[in-house]
Amino acid sequence: MATYIGYSSIGSVIGSKILTDADLAKRDLMNHFYTRKGERVQNPQFGSILPELVFEPLDYTTERAALDDVTRIIKSDPRWIEEETLLSKPDDHTLTIRVRLRYKDTGTAEELYLTFTGETE
């Protein structure tokens, strides 16, 4: 079993903290989800369309696009297996997604809670 080591400045007051294995893989997924597609320099295919779907009605087309995007991002990281994805729109300017995953190296179940909100005027 490989040990992955990385750094994250998210959630730390000073400097960065070291993350390993499942924690690092989870942070990598979160970074992928919260990066808008086209925002990454020299890699316009990296990122997610989910922030763009916040104000869209949750109809079949929007739901399918969101679920396909979640699956695409998870499949891009070989450390994870997607088990279940649920999405909802609690109000007109919020999209919430709960993803149940399995970390391949240990078989550990994890859950991601993603919330995307839009600016209202």
PDB file of N, CA and C in Angstrom:
ATOM      1  N   MET A   1       0.842  -1.176   0.000  1.00  0.00           N
ATOM      2  CA  MET A   1       0.000   0.000   0.000  1.00  0.00           C
ATOM      3  C   MET A   1       0.885   1.236   0.000  1.00  0.00           C
ATOM      4  N   ALA A   2       0.626   2.162  -0.916  1.00  0.00           N
ATOM      5  CA  ALA A   2       1.400   3.390  -1.031  1.00  0.00           C
ATOM      6  C   ALA A   2       0.980   4.384   0.040  1.00  0.00           C
ATOM      7  N   THR A   3       1.924   5.204   0.470  1.00  0.00           N
ATOM      8  CA  THR A   3       1.618   6.298   1.379  1.00  0.00           C
ATOM      9  C   THR A   3       1.741   7.589   0.594  1.00  0.00           C
ATOM     10  N   TYR A   4       0.647   8.354   0.554  1.00  0.00           N
ATOM     11  CA  TYR A   4       0.632   9.629  -0.138  1.00  0.00           C
ATOM     12  C   TYR A   4       0.852  10.721   0.893  1.00  0.00           C
ATOM     13  N   ILE A   5       1.704  11.685   0.583  1.00  0.00           N
ATOM     14  CA  ILE A   5       1.979  12.797   1.482  1.00  0.00           C
ATOM     15  C   ILE A   5       1.825  14.085   0.703  1.00  0.00           C
ATOM     16  N   GLY A   6       1.131  15.053   1.287  1.00  0.00           N
ATOM     17  CA  GLY A   6       0.939  16.342   0.632  1.00  0.00           C
ATOM     18  C   GLY A   6       0.703  17.415   1.668  1.00  0.00           C
ATOM     19  N   TYR A   7       0.479  18.632   1.199  1.00  0.00           N
ATOM     20  CA  TYR A   7       0.303  19.776   2.081  1.00  0.00           C
ATOM     21  C   TYR A   7      -0.979  20.494   1.731  1.00  0.00           C
ATOM     22  N   SER A   8      -1.574  21.126   2.739  1.00  0.00           N
ATOM     23  CA  SER A   8      -2.762  21.937   2.528  1.00  0.00           C
ATOM     24  C   SER A   8      -2.726  23.119   3.473  1.00  0.00           C
ATOM     25  N   SER A   9      -3.051  24.286   2.963  1.00  0.00           N
ATOM     26  CA  SER A   9      -3.139  25.472   3.810  1.00  0.00           C
ATOM     27  C   SER A   9      -4.579  25.743   4.226  1.00  0.00           C
ATOM     28  N   ILE A  10      -5.504  24.939   3.761  1.00  0.00           N
ATOM     29  CA  ILE A  10      -6.909  25.112   4.105  1.00  0.00           C
ATOM     30  C   ILE A  10      -7.130  24.655   5.536  1.00  0.00           C
ATOM     31  N   GLY A  11      -7.744  25.510   6.326  1.00  0.00           N
ATOM     32  CA  GLY A  11      -8.057  25.166   7.712  1.00  0.00           C
ATOM     33  C   GLY A  11      -6.902  25.354   8.680  1.00  0.00           C
ATOM     34  N   SER A  12      -5.781  25.906   8.217  1.00  0.00           N
ATOM     35  CA  SER A  12      -4.674  26.157   9.138  1.00  0.00           C
ATOM     36  C   SER A  12      -4.467  27.658   9.269  1.00  0.00           C
ATOM     37  N   VAL A  13      -4.109  28.077  10.454  1.00  0.00           N
ATOM     38  CA  VAL A  13      -3.949  29.501  10.724  1.00  0.00           C
ATOM     39  C   VAL A  13      -2.607  30.015  10.176  1.00  0.00           C
ATOM     40  N   ILE A  14      -1.548  29.283  10.432  1.00  0.00           N
ATOM     41  CA  ILE A  14      -0.218  29.693   9.986  1.00  0.00           C
ATOM     42  C   ILE A  14       0.409  28.551   9.190  1.00  0.00           C
ATOM     43  N   GLY A  15       0.922  28.863   8.014  1.00  0.00           N
ATOM     44  CA  GLY A  15       1.608  27.849   7.211  1.00  0.00           C
ATOM     45  C   GLY A  15       0.660  26.821   6.635  1.00  0.00           C
ATOM     46  N   SER A  16       1.192  25.636   6.439  1.00  0.00           N
ATOM     47  CA  SER A  16       0.391  24.555   5.884  1.00  0.00           C
ATOM     48  C   SER A  16       0.524  23.325   6.765  1.00  0.00           C
ATOM     49  N   LYS A  17      -0.427  22.426   6.641  1.00  0.00           N
ATOM     50  CA  LYS A  17      -0.366  21.197   7.420  1.00  0.00           C
ATOM     51  C   LYS A  17      -0.149  20.020   6.482  1.00  0.00           C
ATOM     52  N   ILE A  18       0.451  18.984   7.023  1.00  0.00           N
ATOM     53  CA  ILE A  18       0.732  17.785   6.239  1.00  0.00           C
ATOM     54  C   ILE A  18      -0.484  16.877   6.271  1.00  0.00           C
ATOM     55  N   LEU A  19      -0.868  16.398   5.101  1.00  0.00           N
ATOM     56  CA  LEU A  19      -1.959  15.434   4.978  1.00  0.00           C
ATOM     57  C   LEU A  19      -1.395  14.151   4.389  1.00  0.00           C
ATOM     58  N   THR A  20      -1.960  13.028   4.775  1.00  0.00           N
ATOM     59  CA  THR A  20      -1.517  11.756   4.222  1.00  0.00           C
ATOM     60  C   THR A  20      -2.713  10.912   3.814  1.00  0.00           C
ATOM     61  N   ASP A  21      -2.479  10.018   2.901  1.00  0.00           N
ATOM     62  CA  ASP A  21      -3.398   8.977   2.455  1.00  0.00           C
ATOM     63  C   ASP A  21      -4.820   9.477   2.211  1.00  0.00           C
ATOM     64  N   ALA A  22      -5.805   8.934   2.915  1.00  0.00           N
ATOM     65  CA  ALA A  22      -7.209   9.248   2.633  1.00  0.00           C
ATOM     66  C   ALA A  22      -7.513  10.723   2.852  1.00  0.00           C
ATOM     67  N   ASP A  23      -6.901  11.342   3.861  1.00  0.00           N
ATOM     68  CA  ASP A  23      -7.141  12.771   4.104  1.00  0.00           C
ATOM     69  C   ASP A  23      -6.645  13.610   2.926  1.00  0.00           C
ATOM     70  N   LEU A  24      -5.482  13.258   2.406  1.00  0.00           N
ATOM     71  CA  LEU A  24      -4.938  13.964   1.251  1.00  0.00           C
ATOM     72  C   LEU A  24      -5.804  13.718   0.014  1.00  0.00           C
ATOM     73  N   ALA A  25      -6.211  12.491  -0.206  1.00  0.00           N
ATOM     74  CA  ALA A  25      -7.040  12.151  -1.362  1.00  0.00           C
ATOM     75  C   ALA A  25      -8.387  12.878  -1.286  1.00  0.00           C
ATOM     76  N   LYS A  26      -8.934  12.989  -0.084  1.00  0.00           N
ATOM     77  CA  LYS A  26     -10.202  13.694   0.097  1.00  0.00           C
ATOM     78  C   LYS A  26     -10.028  15.185  -0.201  1.00  0.00           C
ATOM     79  N   ARG A  27      -8.941  15.789   0.280  1.00  0.00           N
ATOM     80  CA  ARG A  27      -8.664  17.203   0.018  1.00  0.00           C
ATOM     81  C   ARG A  27      -8.466  17.426  -1.483  1.00  0.00           C
ATOM     82  N   ASP A  28      -7.782  16.494  -2.157  1.00  0.00           N
ATOM     83  CA  ASP A  28      -7.588  16.610  -3.604  1.00  0.00           C
ATOM     84  C   ASP A  28      -8.932  16.612  -4.338  1.00  0.00           C
ATOM     85  N   LEU A  29      -9.845  15.740  -3.912  1.00  0.00           N
ATOM     86  CA  LEU A  29     -11.178  15.722  -4.529  1.00  0.00           C
ATOM     87  C   LEU A  29     -11.920  17.026  -4.277  1.00  0.00           C
ATOM     88  N   MET A  30     -11.851  17.517  -3.049  1.00  0.00           N
ATOM     89  CA  MET A  30     -12.534  18.773  -2.712  1.00  0.00           C
ATOM     90  C   MET A  30     -11.977  19.912  -3.576  1.00  0.00           C
ATOM     91  N   ASN A  31     -10.657  19.957  -3.738  1.00  0.00           N
ATOM     92  CA  ASN A  31     -10.049  20.985  -4.586  1.00  0.00           C
ATOM     93  C   ASN A  31     -10.569  20.877  -6.018  1.00  0.00           C
ATOM     94  N   HIS A  32     -10.696  19.663  -6.508  1.00  0.00           N
ATOM     95  CA  HIS A  32     -11.192  19.456  -7.871  1.00  0.00           C
ATOM     96  C   HIS A  32     -12.636  19.943  -7.991  1.00  0.00           C
ATOM     97  N   PHE A  33     -13.475  19.593  -7.026  1.00  0.00           N
ATOM     98  CA  PHE A  33     -14.881  20.002  -7.075  1.00  0.00           C
ATOM     99  C   PHE A  33     -15.048  21.512  -6.972  1.00  0.00           C
ATOM    100  N   TYR A  34     -14.261  22.162  -6.148  1.00  0.00           N
ATOM    101  CA  TYR A  34     -14.440  23.595  -5.923  1.00  0.00           C
ATOM    102  C   TYR A  34     -13.631  24.473  -6.874  1.00  0.00           C
ATOM    103  N   THR A  35     -12.949  23.872  -7.838  1.00  0.00           N
ATOM    104  CA  THR A  35     -12.304  24.627  -8.909  1.00  0.00           C
ATOM    105  C   THR A  35     -13.272  24.652 -10.082  1.00  0.00           C
ATOM    106  N   ARG A  36     -13.597  25.846 -10.544  1.00  0.00           N
ATOM    107  CA  ARG A  36     -14.498  25.950 -11.691  1.00  0.00           C
ATOM    108  C   ARG A  36     -13.796  25.450 -12.946  1.00  0.00           C
ATOM    109  N   LYS A  37     -14.526  24.729 -13.769  1.00  0.00           N
ATOM    110  CA  LYS A  37     -13.962  24.221 -15.018  1.00  0.00           C
ATOM    111  C   LYS A  37     -13.491  25.404 -15.864  1.00  0.00           C
ATOM    112  N   GLY A  38     -12.250  25.312 -16.362  1.00  0.00           N
ATOM    113  CA  GLY A  38     -11.673  26.385 -17.152  1.00  0.00           C
ATOM    114  C   GLY A  38     -10.844  27.360 -16.330  1.00  0.00           C
ATOM    115  N   GLU A  39     -10.860  27.232 -15.022  1.00  0.00           N
ATOM    116  CA  GLU A  39     -10.162  28.159 -14.138  1.00  0.00           C
ATOM    117  C   GLU A  39      -8.670  27.820 -13.980  1.00  0.00           C
ATOM    118  N   ARG A  40      -8.293  26.582 -14.195  1.00  0.00           N
ATOM    119  CA  ARG A  40      -6.908  26.137 -14.006  1.00  0.00           C
ATOM    120  C   ARG A  40      -6.064  26.541 -15.212  1.00  0.00           C
ATOM    121  N   VAL A  41      -4.966  27.226 -14.948  1.00  0.00           N
ATOM    122  CA  VAL A  41      -4.073  27.666 -16.004  1.00  0.00           C
ATOM    123  C   VAL A  41      -3.470  26.455 -16.724  1.00  0.00           C
ATOM    124  N   GLN A  42      -3.461  26.485 -18.024  1.00  0.00           N
ATOM    125  CA  GLN A  42      -2.938  25.449 -18.904  1.00  0.00           C
ATOM    126  C   GLN A  42      -3.632  24.093 -18.748  1.00  0.00           C
ATOM    127  N   ASN A  43      -4.766  24.057 -18.085  1.00  0.00           N
ATOM    128  CA  ASN A  43      -5.538  22.821 -17.979  1.00  0.00           C
ATOM    129  C   ASN A  43      -7.023  23.182 -17.900  1.00  0.00           C
ATOM    130  N   PRO A  44      -7.608  23.673 -18.993  1.00  0.00           N
ATOM    131  CA  PRO A  44      -8.998  24.141 -18.952  1.00  0.00           C
ATOM    132  C   PRO A  44     -10.025  23.039 -18.728  1.00  0.00           C
ATOM    133  N   GLN A  45      -9.650  21.776 -18.881  1.00  0.00           N
ATOM    134  CA  GLN A  45     -10.590  20.682 -18.653  1.00  0.00           C
ATOM    135  C   GLN A  45     -10.682  20.293 -17.182  1.00  0.00           C
ATOM    136  N   PHE A  46      -9.738  20.774 -16.361  1.00  0.00           N
ATOM    137  CA  PHE A  46      -9.752  20.470 -14.934  1.00  0.00           C
ATOM    138  C   PHE A  46     -10.832  21.318 -14.268  1.00  0.00           C
ATOM    139  N   GLY A  47     -11.505  20.750 -13.286  1.00  0.00           N
ATOM    140  CA  GLY A  47     -12.496  21.496 -12.530  1.00  0.00           C
ATOM    141  C   GLY A  47     -13.892  20.936 -12.712  1.00  0.00           C
ATOM    142  N   SER A  48     -14.840  21.663 -12.154  1.00  0.00           N
ATOM    143  CA  SER A  48     -16.214  21.195 -12.100  1.00  0.00           C
ATOM    144  C   SER A  48     -17.180  22.210 -12.691  1.00  0.00           C
ATOM    145  N   ILE A  49     -18.284  21.710 -13.229  1.00  0.00           N
ATOM    146  CA  ILE A  49     -19.359  22.579 -13.717  1.00  0.00           C
ATOM    147  C   ILE A  49     -20.398  22.833 -12.626  1.00  0.00           C
ATOM    148  N   LEU A  50     -20.245  22.198 -11.465  1.00  0.00           N
ATOM    149  CA  LEU A  50     -21.262  22.309 -10.417  1.00  0.00           C
ATOM    150  C   LEU A  50     -21.549  23.744  -9.978  1.00  0.00           C
ATOM    151  N   PRO A  51     -20.546  24.613  -9.826  1.00  0.00           N
ATOM    152  CA  PRO A  51     -20.870  26.000  -9.455  1.00  0.00           C
ATOM    153  C   PRO A  51     -21.750  26.698 -10.490  1.00  0.00           C
ATOM    154  N   GLU A  52     -21.662  26.279 -11.744  1.00  0.00           N
ATOM    155  CA  GLU A  52     -22.467  26.883 -12.807  1.00  0.00           C
ATOM    156  C   GLU A  52     -23.931  26.429 -12.755  1.00  0.00           C
ATOM    157  N   LEU A  53     -24.210  25.350 -12.040  1.00  0.00           N
ATOM    158  CA  LEU A  53     -25.570  24.793 -12.005  1.00  0.00           C
ATOM    159  C   LEU A  53     -26.400  25.309 -10.828  1.00  0.00           C
ATOM    160  N   VAL A  54     -25.836  26.183 -10.015  1.00  0.00           N
ATOM    161  CA  VAL A  54     -26.521  26.639  -8.798  1.00  0.00           C
ATOM    162  C   VAL A  54     -27.875  27.250  -9.095  1.00  0.00           C
ATOM    163  N   PHE A  55     -27.970  28.114 -10.091  1.00  0.00           N
ATOM    164  CA  PHE A  55     -29.229  28.807 -10.367  1.00  0.00           C
ATOM    165  C   PHE A  55     -30.129  28.078 -11.353  1.00  0.00           C
ATOM    166  N   GLU A  56     -29.685  26.940 -11.833  1.00  0.00           N
ATOM    167  CA  GLU A  56     -30.502  26.160 -12.763  1.00  0.00           C
ATOM    168  C   GLU A  56     -31.578  25.387 -11.993  1.00  0.00           C
ATOM    169  N   PRO A  57     -32.748  25.168 -12.597  1.00  0.00           N
ATOM    170  CA  PRO A  57     -33.762  24.342 -11.929  1.00  0.00           C
ATOM    171  C   PRO A  57     -33.269  22.897 -11.844  1.00  0.00           C
ATOM    172  N   LEU A  58     -33.639  22.202 -10.802  1.00  0.00           N
ATOM    173  CA  LEU A  58     -33.182  20.816 -10.639  1.00  0.00           C
ATOM    174  C   LEU A  58     -34.125  19.896 -11.414  1.00  0.00           C
ATOM    175  N   ASP A  59     -34.007  19.946 -12.737  1.00  0.00           N
ATOM    176  CA  ASP A  59     -34.782  19.062 -13.593  1.00  0.00           C
ATOM    177  C   ASP A  59     -33.888  17.903 -14.025  1.00  0.00           C
ATOM    178  N   TYR A  60     -34.398  17.057 -14.893  1.00  0.00           N
ATOM    179  CA  TYR A  60     -33.640  15.873 -15.316  1.00  0.00           C
ATOM    180  C   TYR A  60     -32.301  16.256 -15.943  1.00  0.00           C
ATOM    181  N   THR A  61     -32.297  17.260 -16.810  1.00  0.00           N
ATOM    182  CA  THR A  61     -31.080  17.659 -17.523  1.00  0.00           C
ATOM    183  C   THR A  61     -30.004  18.155 -16.555  1.00  0.00           C
ATOM    184  N   THR A  62     -30.395  19.019 -15.630  1.00  0.00           N
ATOM    185  CA  THR A  62     -29.447  19.554 -14.652  1.00  0.00           C
ATOM    186  C   THR A  62     -28.944  18.457 -13.726  1.00  0.00           C
ATOM    187  N   GLU A  63     -29.851  17.616 -13.261  1.00  0.00           N
ATOM    188  CA  GLU A  63     -29.456  16.527 -12.375  1.00  0.00           C
ATOM    189  C   GLU A  63     -28.479  15.581 -13.076  1.00  0.00           C
ATOM    190  N   ARG A  64     -28.771  15.245 -14.328  1.00  0.00           N
ATOM    191  CA  ARG A  64     -27.886  14.348 -15.080  1.00  0.00           C
ATOM    192  C   ARG A  64     -26.501  14.978 -15.271  1.00  0.00           C
ATOM    193  N   ALA A  65     -26.461  16.270 -15.609  1.00  0.00           N
ATOM    194  CA  ALA A  65     -25.182  16.969 -15.802  1.00  0.00           C
ATOM    195  C   ALA A  65     -24.380  16.989 -14.500  1.00  0.00           C
ATOM    196  N   ALA A  66     -25.059  17.239 -13.375  1.00  0.00           N
ATOM    197  CA  ALA A  66     -24.375  17.275 -12.078  1.00  0.00           C
ATOM    198  C   ALA A  66     -23.846  15.898 -11.697  1.00  0.00           C
ATOM    199  N   LEU A  67     -24.661  14.874 -11.838  1.00  0.00           N
ATOM    200  CA  LEU A  67     -24.226  13.519 -11.486  1.00  0.00           C
ATOM    201  C   LEU A  67     -23.088  13.043 -12.391  1.00  0.00           C
ATOM    202  N   ASP A  68     -23.155  13.365 -13.681  1.00  0.00           N
ATOM    203  CA  ASP A  68     -22.083  12.999 -14.604  1.00  0.00           C
ATOM    204  C   ASP A  68     -20.779  13.699 -14.234  1.00  0.00           C
ATOM    205  N   ASP A  69     -20.877  14.963 -13.816  1.00  0.00           N
ATOM    206  CA  ASP A  69     -19.688  15.711 -13.426  1.00  0.00           C
ATOM    207  C   ASP A  69     -19.056  15.111 -12.171  1.00  0.00           C
ATOM    208  N   VAL A  70     -19.880  14.750 -11.194  1.00  0.00           N
ATOM    209  CA  VAL A  70     -19.373  14.115  -9.974  1.00  0.00           C
ATOM    210  C   VAL A  70     -18.660  12.812 -10.318  1.00  0.00           C
ATOM    211  N   THR A  71     -19.281  11.993 -11.135  1.00  0.00           N
ATOM    212  CA  THR A  71     -18.682  10.712 -11.524  1.00  0.00           C
ATOM    213  C   THR A  71     -17.377  10.923 -12.284  1.00  0.00           C
ATOM    214  N   ARG A  72     -17.340  11.885 -13.190  1.00  0.00           N
ATOM    215  CA  ARG A  72     -16.133  12.173 -13.969  1.00  0.00           C
ATOM    216  C   ARG A  72     -14.974  12.569 -13.058  1.00  0.00           C
ATOM    217  N   ILE A  73     -15.252  13.422 -12.077  1.00  0.00           N
ATOM    218  CA  ILE A  73     -14.198  13.880 -11.174  1.00  0.00           C
ATOM    219  C   ILE A  73     -13.694  12.737 -10.303  1.00  0.00           C
ATOM    220  N   ILE A  74     -14.600  11.933  -9.770  1.00  0.00           N
ATOM    221  CA  ILE A  74     -14.170  10.817  -8.918  1.00  0.00           C
ATOM    222  C   ILE A  74     -13.376   9.796  -9.726  1.00  0.00           C
ATOM    223  N   LYS A  75     -13.815   9.512 -10.943  1.00  0.00           N
ATOM    224  CA  LYS A  75     -13.080   8.552 -11.784  1.00  0.00           C
ATOM    225  C   LYS A  75     -11.704   9.076 -12.194  1.00  0.00           C
ATOM    226  N   SER A  76     -11.511  10.390 -12.162  1.00  0.00           N
ATOM    227  CA  SER A  76     -10.214  10.950 -12.526  1.00  0.00           C
ATOM    228  C   SER A  76      -9.169  10.716 -11.436  1.00  0.00           C
ATOM    229  N   ASP A  77      -9.613  10.308 -10.247  1.00  0.00           N
ATOM    230  CA  ASP A  77      -8.699  10.017  -9.136  1.00  0.00           C
ATOM    231  C   ASP A  77      -8.760   8.520  -8.850  1.00  0.00           C
ATOM    232  N   PRO A  78      -7.712   7.778  -9.173  1.00  0.00           N
ATOM    233  CA  PRO A  78      -7.749   6.318  -9.042  1.00  0.00           C
ATOM    234  C   PRO A  78      -7.790   5.809  -7.603  1.00  0.00           C
ATOM    235  N   ARG A  79      -7.747   6.704  -6.625  1.00  0.00           N
ATOM    236  CA  ARG A  79      -7.766   6.284  -5.219  1.00  0.00           C
ATOM    237  C   ARG A  79      -9.184   6.053  -4.697  1.00  0.00           C
ATOM    238  N   TRP A  80     -10.209   6.430  -5.463  1.00  0.00           N
ATOM    239  CA  TRP A  80     -11.584   6.397  -4.977  1.00  0.00           C
ATOM    240  C   TRP A  80     -12.501   5.535  -5.825  1.00  0.00           C
ATOM    241  N   ILE A  81     -13.544   5.010  -5.175  1.00  0.00           N
ATOM    242  CA  ILE A  81     -14.658   4.343  -5.838  1.00  0.00           C
ATOM    243  C   ILE A  81     -15.923   5.061  -5.384  1.00  0.00           C
ATOM    244  N   GLU A  82     -16.727   5.520  -6.327  1.00  0.00           N
ATOM    245  CA  GLU A  82     -17.986   6.189  -6.004  1.00  0.00           C
ATOM    246  C   GLU A  82     -19.031   5.132  -5.670  1.00  0.00           C
ATOM    247  N   GLU A  83     -19.719   5.309  -4.561  1.00  0.00           N
ATOM    248  CA  GLU A  83     -20.768   4.364  -4.181  1.00  0.00           C
ATOM    249  C   GLU A  83     -22.166   4.945  -4.332  1.00  0.00           C
ATOM    250  N   GLU A  84     -22.345   6.199  -3.927  1.00  0.00           N
ATOM    251  CA  GLU A  84     -23.674   6.806  -4.028  1.00  0.00           C
ATOM    252  C   GLU A  84     -23.527   8.319  -4.048  1.00  0.00           C
ATOM    253  N   THR A  85     -24.342   8.963  -4.863  1.00  0.00           N
ATOM    254  CA  THR A  85     -24.355  10.422  -4.924  1.00  0.00           C
ATOM    255  C   THR A  85     -25.798  10.895  -4.849  1.00  0.00           C
ATOM    256  N   LEU A  86     -26.051  11.813  -3.939  1.00  0.00           N
ATOM    257  CA  LEU A  86     -27.375  12.409  -3.778  1.00  0.00           C
ATOM    258  C   LEU A  86     -27.240  13.913  -3.901  1.00  0.00           C
ATOM    259  N   LEU A  87     -28.125  14.529  -4.676  1.00  0.00           N
ATOM    260  CA  LEU A  87     -28.081  15.979  -4.747  1.00  0.00           C
ATOM    261  C   LEU A  87     -29.437  16.574  -4.489  1.00  0.00           C
ATOM    262  N   SER A  88     -29.408  17.822  -4.023  1.00  0.00           N
ATOM    263  CA  SER A  88     -30.653  18.522  -3.722  1.00  0.00           C
ATOM    264  C   SER A  88     -30.435  20.023  -3.883  1.00  0.00           C
ATOM    265  N   LYS A  89     -31.546  20.734  -3.990  1.00  0.00           N
ATOM    266  CA  LYS A  89     -31.530  22.192  -4.041  1.00  0.00           C
ATOM    267  C   LYS A  89     -32.439  22.678  -2.918  1.00  0.00           C
ATOM    268  N   PRO A  90     -31.862  22.938  -1.745  1.00  0.00           N
ATOM    269  CA  PRO A  90     -32.694  23.375  -0.630  1.00  0.00           C
ATOM    270  C   PRO A  90     -33.337  24.744  -0.856  1.00  0.00           C
ATOM    271  N   ASP A  91     -32.737  25.563  -1.719  1.00  0.00           N
ATOM    272  CA  ASP A  91     -33.348  26.831  -2.107  1.00  0.00           C
ATOM    273  C   ASP A  91     -32.880  27.189  -3.514  1.00  0.00           C
ATOM    274  N   ASP A  92     -33.339  28.337  -4.021  1.00  0.00           N
ATOM    275  CA  ASP A  92     -33.068  28.701  -5.413  1.00  0.00           C
ATOM    276  C   ASP A  92     -31.608  29.006  -5.714  1.00  0.00           C
ATOM    277  N   HIS A  93     -30.785  29.251  -4.702  1.00  0.00           N
ATOM    278  CA  HIS A  93     -29.399  29.612  -4.972  1.00  0.00           C
ATOM    279  C   HIS A  93     -28.387  28.722  -4.237  1.00  0.00           C
ATOM    280  N   THR A  94     -28.783  27.474  -3.979  1.00  0.00           N
ATOM    281  CA  THR A  94     -27.886  26.524  -3.319  1.00  0.00           C
ATOM    282  C   THR A  94     -28.031  25.142  -3.957  1.00  0.00           C
ATOM    283  N   LEU A  95     -26.916  24.498  -4.180  1.00  0.00           N
ATOM    284  CA  LEU A  95     -26.885  23.118  -4.659  1.00  0.00           C
ATOM    285  C   LEU A  95     -26.048  22.329  -3.658  1.00  0.00           C
ATOM    286  N   THR A  96     -26.630  21.266  -3.094  1.00  0.00           N
ATOM    287  CA  THR A  96     -25.890  20.443  -2.134  1.00  0.00           C
ATOM    288  C   THR A  96     -25.762  19.033  -2.690  1.00  0.00           C
ATOM    289  N   ILE A  97     -24.602  18.451  -2.424  1.00  0.00           N
ATOM    290  CA  ILE A  97     -24.308  17.115  -2.929  1.00  0.00           C
ATOM    291  C   ILE A  97     -23.656  16.309  -1.819  1.00  0.00           C
ATOM    292  N   ARG A  98     -24.146  15.101  -1.632  1.00  0.00           N
ATOM    293  CA  ARG A  98     -23.533  14.164  -0.674  1.00  0.00           C
ATOM    294  C   ARG A  98     -23.038  12.977  -1.480  1.00  0.00           C
ATOM    295  N   VAL A  99     -21.738  12.701  -1.347  1.00  0.00           N
ATOM    296  CA  VAL A  99     -21.127  11.612  -2.104  1.00  0.00           C
ATOM    297  C   VAL A  99     -20.541  10.606  -1.120  1.00  0.00           C
ATOM    298  N   ARG A 100     -20.975   9.354  -1.248  1.00  0.00           N
ATOM    299  CA  ARG A 100     -20.374   8.264  -0.476  1.00  0.00           C
ATOM    300  C   ARG A 100     -19.310   7.613  -1.334  1.00  0.00           C
ATOM    301  N   LEU A 101     -18.106   7.486  -0.768  1.00  0.00           N
ATOM    302  CA  LEU A 101     -16.952   6.965  -1.491  1.00  0.00           C
ATOM    303  C   LEU A 101     -16.295   5.851  -0.711  1.00  0.00           C
ATOM    304  N   ARG A 102     -15.469   5.095  -1.405  1.00  0.00           N
ATOM    305  CA  ARG A 102     -14.629   4.085  -0.751  1.00  0.00           C
ATOM    306  C   ARG A 102     -13.196   4.350  -1.173  1.00  0.00           C
ATOM    307  N   TYR A 103     -12.314   4.471  -0.173  1.00  0.00           N
ATOM    308  CA  TYR A 103     -10.889   4.673  -0.431  1.00  0.00           C
ATOM    309  C   TYR A 103     -10.295   3.317  -0.771  1.00  0.00           C
ATOM    310  N   LYS A 104      -9.750   3.170  -1.976  1.00  0.00           N
ATOM    311  CA  LYS A 104      -9.322   1.861  -2.484  1.00  0.00           C
ATOM    312  C   LYS A 104      -8.240   1.197  -1.643  1.00  0.00           C
ATOM    313  N   ASP A 105      -7.259   1.950  -1.166  1.00  0.00           N
ATOM    314  CA  ASP A 105      -6.135   1.333  -0.449  1.00  0.00           C
ATOM    315  C   ASP A 105      -6.553   0.615   0.827  1.00  0.00           C
ATOM    316  N   THR A 106      -7.533   1.183   1.543  1.00  0.00           N
ATOM    317  CA  THR A 106      -7.920   0.591   2.826  1.00  0.00           C
ATOM    318  C   THR A 106      -9.345   0.049   2.841  1.00  0.00           C
ATOM    319  N   GLY A 107     -10.146   0.405   1.839  1.00  0.00           N
ATOM    320  CA  GLY A 107     -11.544  -0.005   1.820  1.00  0.00           C
ATOM    321  C   GLY A 107     -12.411   0.834   2.741  1.00  0.00           C
ATOM    322  N   THR A 108     -11.862   1.914   3.278  1.00  0.00           N
ATOM    323  CA  THR A 108     -12.573   2.786   4.211  1.00  0.00           C
ATOM    324  C   THR A 108     -13.635   3.602   3.488  1.00  0.00           C
ATOM    325  N   ALA A 109     -14.819   3.665   4.088  1.00  0.00           N
ATOM    326  CA  ALA A 109     -15.899   4.481   3.535  1.00  0.00           C
ATOM    327  C   ALA A 109     -15.716   5.929   3.996  1.00  0.00           C
ATOM    328  N   GLU A 110     -15.978   6.856   3.101  1.00  0.00           N
ATOM    329  CA  GLU A 110     -15.876   8.289   3.381  1.00  0.00           C
ATOM    330  C   GLU A 110     -17.106   8.967   2.799  1.00  0.00           C
ATOM    331  N   GLU A 111     -17.426  10.136   3.319  1.00  0.00           N
ATOM    332  CA  GLU A 111     -18.500  10.936   2.743  1.00  0.00           C
ATOM    333  C   GLU A 111     -18.008  12.345   2.503  1.00  0.00           C
ATOM    334  N   LEU A 112     -18.388  12.890   1.359  1.00  0.00           N
ATOM    335  CA  LEU A 112     -18.112  14.275   1.038  1.00  0.00           C
ATOM    336  C   LEU A 112     -19.435  15.023   1.045  1.00  0.00           C
ATOM    337  N   TYR A 113     -19.441  16.176   1.659  1.00  0.00           N
ATOM    338  CA  TYR A 113     -20.603  17.054   1.622  1.00  0.00           C
ATOM    339  C   TYR A 113     -20.179  18.316   0.891  1.00  0.00           C
ATOM    340  N   LEU A 114     -20.750  18.542  -0.268  1.00  0.00           N
ATOM    341  CA  LEU A 114     -20.397  19.689  -1.088  1.00  0.00           C
ATOM    342  C   LEU A 114     -21.574  20.655  -1.114  1.00  0.00           C
ATOM    343  N   THR A 115     -21.285  21.938  -0.930  1.00  0.00           N
ATOM    344  CA  THR A 115     -22.317  22.959  -0.998  1.00  0.00           C
ATOM    345  C   THR A 115     -21.848  24.056  -1.929  1.00  0.00           C
ATOM    346  N   PHE A 116     -22.659  24.355  -2.902  1.00  0.00           N
ATOM    347  CA  PHE A 116     -22.378  25.422  -3.848  1.00  0.00           C
ATOM    348  C   PHE A 116     -23.473  26.460  -3.707  1.00  0.00           C
ATOM    349  N   THR A 117     -23.086  27.706  -3.500  1.00  0.00           N
ATOM    350  CA  THR A 117     -24.061  28.782  -3.359  1.00  0.00           C
ATOM    351  C   THR A 117     -23.750  29.866  -4.368  1.00  0.00           C
ATOM    352  N   GLY A 118     -24.772  30.530  -4.805  1.00  0.00           N
ATOM    353  CA  GLY A 118     -24.613  31.629  -5.754  1.00  0.00           C
ATOM    354  C   GLY A 118     -24.885  32.938  -5.067  1.00  0.00           C
ATOM    355  N   GLU A 119     -24.348  33.968  -5.647  1.00  0.00           N
ATOM    356  CA  GLU A 119     -24.578  35.317  -5.133  1.00  0.00           C
ATOM    357  C   GLU A 119     -25.966  35.771  -5.574  1.00  0.00           C
ATOM    358  N   THR A 120     -26.720  36.316  -4.653  1.00  0.00           N
ATOM    359  CA  THR A 120     -28.033  36.865  -5.000  1.00  0.00           C
ATOM    360  C   THR A 120     -27.954  38.368  -4.865  1.00  0.00           C
ATOM    361  N   GLU A 121     -28.730  39.057  -5.688  1.00  0.00           N
ATOM    362  CA  GLU A 121     -28.676  40.516  -5.664  1.00  0.00           C
ATOM    363  C   GLU A 121     -29.927  41.068  -5.066  1.00  0.00           C
TER     364      GLU A 121
END
